[in-house]
């Protein structure tokens, strides 16, 4: 499914706000065009960050190195 409804947009806004309040980075990775359109039309895109492919790979590599021993 490529679309996201109002409830999904609201949840993204809530998660973004919660993450900011807890000093946690919250980024979307590869959202569909319809999701981006929904974020833009509701002005939520101004708050949410979209990670590039390389940025996401760096984030995953860092997470793997920090939490690899927990597995």
PDB file of N, CA and C in Angstrom:
ATOM      1  N   UNK A   1       0.851  -1.182   0.000  1.00  0.00           N
ATOM      2  CA  UNK A   1       0.000   0.000   0.000  1.00  0.00           C
ATOM      3  C   UNK A   1       0.895   1.244   0.000  1.00  0.00           C
ATOM      4  N   UNK A   2       0.598   2.175  -0.865  1.00  0.00           N
ATOM      5  CA  UNK A   2       1.417   3.374  -0.992  1.00  0.00           C
ATOM      6  C   UNK A   2       0.869   4.569  -0.236  1.00  0.00           C
ATOM      7  N   UNK A   3      -0.402   4.565   0.069  1.00  0.00           N
ATOM      8  CA  UNK A   3      -1.030   5.728   0.690  1.00  0.00           C
ATOM      9  C   UNK A   3      -0.982   5.618   2.211  1.00  0.00           C
ATOM     10  N   UNK A   4      -1.156   6.752   2.848  1.00  0.00           N
ATOM     11  CA  UNK A   4      -1.234   6.788   4.311  1.00  0.00           C
ATOM     12  C   UNK A   4      -2.411   7.675   4.674  1.00  0.00           C
ATOM     13  N   UNK A   5      -3.234   7.199   5.587  1.00  0.00           N
ATOM     14  CA  UNK A   5      -4.420   7.956   5.983  1.00  0.00           C
ATOM     15  C   UNK A   5      -4.109   8.976   7.054  1.00  0.00           C
ATOM     16  N   UNK A   6      -5.152   9.705   7.436  1.00  0.00           N
ATOM     17  CA  UNK A   6      -5.004  10.732   8.462  1.00  0.00           C
ATOM     18  C   UNK A   6      -4.501  10.187   9.781  1.00  0.00           C
ATOM     19  N   UNK A   7      -4.945   8.974  10.135  1.00  0.00           N
ATOM     20  CA  UNK A   7      -4.474   8.358  11.378  1.00  0.00           C
ATOM     21  C   UNK A   7      -2.989   8.071  11.324  1.00  0.00           C
ATOM     22  N   UNK A   8      -2.516   7.615  10.168  1.00  0.00           N
ATOM     23  CA  UNK A   8      -1.086   7.345  10.001  1.00  0.00           C
ATOM     24  C   UNK A   8      -0.265   8.618  10.043  1.00  0.00           C
ATOM     25  N   UNK A   9      -0.777   9.674   9.412  1.00  0.00           N
ATOM     26  CA  UNK A   9      -0.086  10.962   9.451  1.00  0.00           C
ATOM     27  C   UNK A   9      -0.043  11.502  10.874  1.00  0.00           C
ATOM     28  N   UNK A  10      -1.139  11.345  11.585  1.00  0.00           N
ATOM     29  CA  UNK A  10      -1.187  11.787  12.974  1.00  0.00           C
ATOM     30  C   UNK A  10      -0.194  11.014  13.832  1.00  0.00           C
ATOM     31  N   UNK A  11      -0.074   9.709  13.584  1.00  0.00           N
ATOM     32  CA  UNK A  11       0.871   8.903  14.335  1.00  0.00           C
ATOM     33  C   UNK A  11       2.306   9.310  14.036  1.00  0.00           C
ATOM     34  N   UNK A  12       2.608   9.610  12.777  1.00  0.00           N
ATOM     35  CA  UNK A  12       3.956  10.090  12.443  1.00  0.00           C
ATOM     36  C   UNK A  12       4.257  11.393  13.172  1.00  0.00           C
ATOM     37  N   UNK A  13       3.273  12.286  13.222  1.00  0.00           N
ATOM     38  CA  UNK A  13       3.460  13.558  13.923  1.00  0.00           C
ATOM     39  C   UNK A  13       3.674  13.317  15.416  1.00  0.00           C
ATOM     40  N   UNK A  14       2.894  12.402  15.999  1.00  0.00           N
ATOM     41  CA  UNK A  14       3.048  12.076  17.417  1.00  0.00           C
ATOM     42  C   UNK A  14       4.424  11.484  17.692  1.00  0.00           C
ATOM     43  N   UNK A  15       4.846  10.513  16.873  1.00  0.00           N
ATOM     44  CA  UNK A  15       6.154   9.885  17.073  1.00  0.00           C
ATOM     45  C   UNK A  15       7.289  10.893  16.928  1.00  0.00           C
ATOM     46  N   UNK A  16       7.164  11.793  15.970  1.00  0.00           N
ATOM     47  CA  UNK A  16       8.182  12.817  15.782  1.00  0.00           C
ATOM     48  C   UNK A  16       8.272  13.710  17.013  1.00  0.00           C
ATOM     49  N   UNK A  17       7.135  14.136  17.520  1.00  0.00           N
ATOM     50  CA  UNK A  17       7.117  15.000  18.704  1.00  0.00           C
ATOM     51  C   UNK A  17       7.672  14.254  19.926  1.00  0.00           C
ATOM     52  N   UNK A  18       7.253  13.008  20.109  1.00  0.00           N
ATOM     53  CA  UNK A  18       7.733  12.212  21.235  1.00  0.00           C
ATOM     54  C   UNK A  18       9.247  12.019  21.152  1.00  0.00           C
ATOM     55  N   UNK A  19       9.751  11.703  19.971  1.00  0.00           N
ATOM     56  CA  UNK A  19      11.191  11.497  19.791  1.00  0.00           C
ATOM     57  C   UNK A  19      11.961  12.771  20.119  1.00  0.00           C
ATOM     58  N   UNK A  20      11.479  13.907  19.647  1.00  0.00           N
ATOM     59  CA  UNK A  20      12.158  15.180  19.942  1.00  0.00           C
ATOM     60  C   UNK A  20      12.183  15.464  21.440  1.00  0.00           C
ATOM     61  N   UNK A  21      11.068  15.173  22.122  1.00  0.00           N
ATOM     62  CA  UNK A  21      10.997  15.398  23.569  1.00  0.00           C
ATOM     63  C   UNK A  21      11.959  14.491  24.341  1.00  0.00           C
ATOM     64  N   UNK A  22      12.328  13.366  23.745  1.00  0.00           N
ATOM     65  CA  UNK A  22      13.224  12.407  24.395  1.00  0.00           C
ATOM     66  C   UNK A  22      14.614  12.377  23.759  1.00  0.00           C
ATOM     67  N   UNK A  23      14.946  13.424  23.016  1.00  0.00           N
ATOM     68  CA  UNK A  23      16.256  13.553  22.355  1.00  0.00           C
ATOM     69  C   UNK A  23      16.615  12.323  21.524  1.00  0.00           C
ATOM     70  N   UNK A  24      15.640  11.856  20.755  1.00  0.00           N
ATOM     71  CA  UNK A  24      15.819  10.709  19.860  1.00  0.00           C
ATOM     72  C   UNK A  24      15.621  11.193  18.433  1.00  0.00           C
ATOM     73  N   UNK A  25      16.520  10.770  17.539  1.00  0.00           N
ATOM     74  CA  UNK A  25      16.347  11.110  16.131  1.00  0.00           C
ATOM     75  C   UNK A  25      15.237  10.245  15.549  1.00  0.00           C
ATOM     76  N   UNK A  26      14.325  10.872  14.829  1.00  0.00           N
ATOM     77  CA  UNK A  26      13.237  10.169  14.156  1.00  0.00           C
ATOM     78  C   UNK A  26      13.278  10.564  12.694  1.00  0.00           C
ATOM     79  N   UNK A  27      13.578   9.592  11.831  1.00  0.00           N
ATOM     80  CA  UNK A  27      13.693   9.878  10.399  1.00  0.00           C
ATOM     81  C   UNK A  27      12.919   8.835   9.612  1.00  0.00           C
ATOM     82  N   UNK A  28      12.344   9.291   8.524  1.00  0.00           N
ATOM     83  CA  UNK A  28      11.686   8.370   7.594  1.00  0.00           C
ATOM     84  C   UNK A  28      12.707   7.929   6.560  1.00  0.00           C
ATOM     85  N   UNK A  29      12.545   6.706   6.104  1.00  0.00           N
ATOM     86  CA  UNK A  29      13.415   6.206   5.050  1.00  0.00           C
ATOM     87  C   UNK A  29      12.567   5.738   3.886  1.00  0.00           C
ATOM     88  N   UNK A  30      12.810   6.332   2.732  1.00  0.00           N
ATOM     89  CA  UNK A  30      12.172   5.940   1.483  1.00  0.00           C
ATOM     90  C   UNK A  30      10.642   5.939   1.527  1.00  0.00           C
ATOM     91  N   UNK A  31      10.034   7.043   1.992  1.00  0.00           N
ATOM     92  CA  UNK A  31       8.574   7.084   1.966  1.00  0.00           C
ATOM     93  C   UNK A  31       8.074   7.165   0.524  1.00  0.00           C
ATOM     94  N   UNK A  32       6.913   6.595   0.284  1.00  0.00           N
ATOM     95  CA  UNK A  32       6.343   6.640  -1.068  1.00  0.00           C
ATOM     96  C   UNK A  32       5.960   8.076  -1.413  1.00  0.00           C
ATOM     97  N   UNK A  33       5.772   8.317  -2.684  1.00  0.00           N
ATOM     98  CA  UNK A  33       5.385   9.652  -3.161  1.00  0.00           C
ATOM     99  C   UNK A  33       4.073  10.091  -2.514  1.00  0.00           C
ATOM    100  N   UNK A  34       3.114   9.179  -2.373  1.00  0.00           N
ATOM    101  CA  UNK A  34       1.828   9.555  -1.784  1.00  0.00           C
ATOM    102  C   UNK A  34       1.972   9.891  -0.298  1.00  0.00           C
ATOM    103  N   UNK A  35       2.891   9.239   0.391  1.00  0.00           N
ATOM    104  CA  UNK A  35       3.134   9.571   1.797  1.00  0.00           C
ATOM    105  C   UNK A  35       3.752  10.960   1.897  1.00  0.00           C
ATOM    106  N   UNK A  36       4.740  11.248   1.053  1.00  0.00           N
ATOM    107  CA  UNK A  36       5.357  12.577   1.044  1.00  0.00           C
ATOM    108  C   UNK A  36       4.306  13.629   0.713  1.00  0.00           C
ATOM    109  N   UNK A  37       3.455  13.344  -0.270  1.00  0.00           N
ATOM    110  CA  UNK A  37       2.389  14.290  -0.629  1.00  0.00           C
ATOM    111  C   UNK A  37       1.464  14.552   0.562  1.00  0.00           C
ATOM    112  N   UNK A  38       1.115  13.503   1.299  1.00  0.00           N
ATOM    113  CA  UNK A  38       0.272  13.663   2.486  1.00  0.00           C
ATOM    114  C   UNK A  38       0.961  14.497   3.553  1.00  0.00           C
ATOM    115  N   UNK A  39       2.244  14.266   3.741  1.00  0.00           N
ATOM    116  CA  UNK A  39       3.009  15.044   4.719  1.00  0.00           C
ATOM    117  C   UNK A  39       3.095  16.511   4.312  1.00  0.00           C
ATOM    118  N   UNK A  40       3.301  16.756   3.017  1.00  0.00           N
ATOM    119  CA  UNK A  40       3.388  18.124   2.514  1.00  0.00           C
ATOM    120  C   UNK A  40       2.042  18.826   2.647  1.00  0.00           C
ATOM    121  N   UNK A  41       0.987  18.156   2.240  1.00  0.00           N
ATOM    122  CA  UNK A  41      -0.330  18.795   2.269  1.00  0.00           C
ATOM    123  C   UNK A  41      -0.799  19.092   3.692  1.00  0.00           C
ATOM    124  N   UNK A  42      -0.308  18.338   4.658  1.00  0.00           N
ATOM    125  CA  UNK A  42      -0.671  18.579   6.057  1.00  0.00           C
ATOM    126  C   UNK A  42       0.409  19.335   6.823  1.00  0.00           C
ATOM    127  N   UNK A  43       1.398  19.818   6.092  1.00  0.00           N
ATOM    128  CA  UNK A  43       2.515  20.589   6.654  1.00  0.00           C
ATOM    129  C   UNK A  43       3.316  19.825   7.701  1.00  0.00           C
ATOM    130  N   UNK A  44       3.256  18.502   7.665  1.00  0.00           N
ATOM    131  CA  UNK A  44       4.034  17.699   8.595  1.00  0.00           C
ATOM    132  C   UNK A  44       5.459  17.499   8.099  1.00  0.00           C
ATOM    133  N   UNK A  45       5.653  17.658   6.805  1.00  0.00           N
ATOM    134  CA  UNK A  45       6.993  17.459   6.227  1.00  0.00           C
ATOM    135  C   UNK A  45       7.975  18.481   6.788  1.00  0.00           C
ATOM    136  N   UNK A  46       7.472  19.606   7.272  1.00  0.00           N
ATOM    137  CA  UNK A  46       8.345  20.626   7.829  1.00  0.00           C
ATOM    138  C   UNK A  46       9.059  20.115   9.080  1.00  0.00           C
ATOM    139  N   UNK A  47       8.441  19.186   9.792  1.00  0.00           N
ATOM    140  CA  UNK A  47       9.003  18.668  11.035  1.00  0.00           C
ATOM    141  C   UNK A  47       9.764  17.358  10.842  1.00  0.00           C
ATOM    142  N   UNK A  48       9.307  16.537   9.928  1.00  0.00           N
ATOM    143  CA  UNK A  48       9.896  15.205   9.778  1.00  0.00           C
ATOM    144  C   UNK A  48      11.118  15.233   8.866  1.00  0.00           C
ATOM    145  N   UNK A  49      12.113  14.439   9.231  1.00  0.00           N
ATOM    146  CA  UNK A  49      13.314  14.325   8.411  1.00  0.00           C
ATOM    147  C   UNK A  49      13.233  13.042   7.591  1.00  0.00           C
ATOM    148  N   UNK A  50      13.713  13.122   6.366  1.00  0.00           N
ATOM    149  CA  UNK A  50      13.763  11.954   5.497  1.00  0.00           C
ATOM    150  C   UNK A  50      15.229  11.616   5.269  1.00  0.00           C
ATOM    151  N   UNK A  51      15.612  10.426   5.666  1.00  0.00           N
ATOM    152  CA  UNK A  51      17.006   9.990   5.552  1.00  0.00           C
ATOM    153  C   UNK A  51      17.303   9.548   4.122  1.00  0.00           C
ATOM    154  N   UNK A  52      18.503   9.887   3.660  1.00  0.00           N
ATOM    155  CA  UNK A  52      18.964   9.397   2.365  1.00  0.00           C
ATOM    156  C   UNK A  52      19.398   7.943   2.519  1.00  0.00           C
ATOM    157  N   UNK A  53      19.614   7.277   1.415  1.00  0.00           N
ATOM    158  CA  UNK A  53      20.065   5.887   1.455  1.00  0.00           C
ATOM    159  C   UNK A  53      21.382   5.772   2.221  1.00  0.00           C
ATOM    160  N   UNK A  54      22.337   6.638   1.903  1.00  0.00           N
ATOM    161  CA  UNK A  54      23.648   6.571   2.562  1.00  0.00           C
ATOM    162  C   UNK A  54      23.550   6.895   4.051  1.00  0.00           C
ATOM    163  N   UNK A  55      22.714   7.839   4.383  1.00  0.00           N
ATOM    164  CA  UNK A  55      22.514   8.174   5.785  1.00  0.00           C
ATOM    165  C   UNK A  55      21.907   6.992   6.544  1.00  0.00           C
ATOM    166  N   UNK A  56      20.949   6.318   5.927  1.00  0.00           N
ATOM    167  CA  UNK A  56      20.314   5.161   6.553  1.00  0.00           C
ATOM    168  C   UNK A  56      21.311   4.027   6.741  1.00  0.00           C
ATOM    169  N   UNK A  57      22.173   3.820   5.760  1.00  0.00           N
ATOM    170  CA  UNK A  57      23.196   2.779   5.889  1.00  0.00           C
ATOM    171  C   UNK A  57      24.161   3.096   7.025  1.00  0.00           C
ATOM    172  N   UNK A  58      24.515   4.359   7.179  1.00  0.00           N
ATOM    173  CA  UNK A  58      25.381   4.781   8.291  1.00  0.00           C
ATOM    174  C   UNK A  58      24.695   4.558   9.631  1.00  0.00           C
ATOM    175  N   UNK A  59      23.411   4.888   9.705  1.00  0.00           N
ATOM    176  CA  UNK A  59      22.646   4.690  10.941  1.00  0.00           C
ATOM    177  C   UNK A  59      22.596   3.212  11.297  1.00  0.00           C
ATOM    178  N   UNK A  60      22.314   2.360  10.312  1.00  0.00           N
ATOM    179  CA  UNK A  60      22.244   0.919  10.559  1.00  0.00           C
ATOM    180  C   UNK A  60      23.600   0.350  10.945  1.00  0.00           C
ATOM    181  N   UNK A  61      24.660   0.822  10.313  1.00  0.00           N
ATOM    182  CA  UNK A  61      26.004   0.336  10.649  1.00  0.00           C
ATOM    183  C   UNK A  61      26.363   0.733  12.074  1.00  0.00           C
ATOM    184  N   UNK A  62      26.012   1.945  12.469  1.00  0.00           N
ATOM    185  CA  UNK A  62      26.291   2.408  13.829  1.00  0.00           C
ATOM    186  C   UNK A  62      25.480   1.602  14.841  1.00  0.00           C
ATOM    187  N   UNK A  63      24.218   1.348  14.541  1.00  0.00           N
ATOM    188  CA  UNK A  63      23.371   0.571  15.443  1.00  0.00           C
ATOM    189  C   UNK A  63      23.918  -0.842  15.590  1.00  0.00           C
ATOM    190  N   UNK A  64      24.381  -1.410  14.498  1.00  0.00           N
ATOM    191  CA  UNK A  64      24.922  -2.762  14.531  1.00  0.00           C
ATOM    192  C   UNK A  64      26.162  -2.811  15.421  1.00  0.00           C
ATOM    193  N   UNK A  65      27.021  -1.808  15.334  1.00  0.00           N
ATOM    194  CA  UNK A  65      28.261  -1.811  16.114  1.00  0.00           C
ATOM    195  C   UNK A  65      27.966  -1.577  17.601  1.00  0.00           C
ATOM    196  N   UNK A  66      26.930  -0.827  17.916  1.00  0.00           N
ATOM    197  CA  UNK A  66      26.629  -0.544  19.326  1.00  0.00           C
ATOM    198  C   UNK A  66      25.838  -1.657  19.989  1.00  0.00           C
ATOM    199  N   UNK A  67      25.011  -2.366  19.228  1.00  0.00           N
ATOM    200  CA  UNK A  67      24.120  -3.349  19.831  1.00  0.00           C
ATOM    201  C   UNK A  67      24.382  -4.767  19.355  1.00  0.00           C
ATOM    202  N   UNK A  68      25.463  -4.972  18.631  1.00  0.00           N
ATOM    203  CA  UNK A  68      25.769  -6.303  18.107  1.00  0.00           C
ATOM    204  C   UNK A  68      25.957  -7.355  19.184  1.00  0.00           C
ATOM    205  N   UNK A  69      26.488  -6.978  20.326  1.00  0.00           N
ATOM    206  CA  UNK A  69      26.712  -7.940  21.401  1.00  0.00           C
ATOM    207  C   UNK A  69      25.441  -8.344  22.122  1.00  0.00           C
ATOM    208  N   UNK A  70      24.374  -7.576  21.967  1.00  0.00           N
ATOM    209  CA  UNK A  70      23.118  -7.880  22.642  1.00  0.00           C
ATOM    210  C   UNK A  70      22.379  -9.022  21.975  1.00  0.00           C
ATOM    211  N   UNK A  71      22.729  -9.335  20.730  1.00  0.00           N
ATOM    212  CA  UNK A  71      21.998 -10.390  20.005  1.00  0.00           C
ATOM    213  C   UNK A  71      22.429 -11.766  20.433  1.00  0.00           C
TER     214      UNK A  71
END
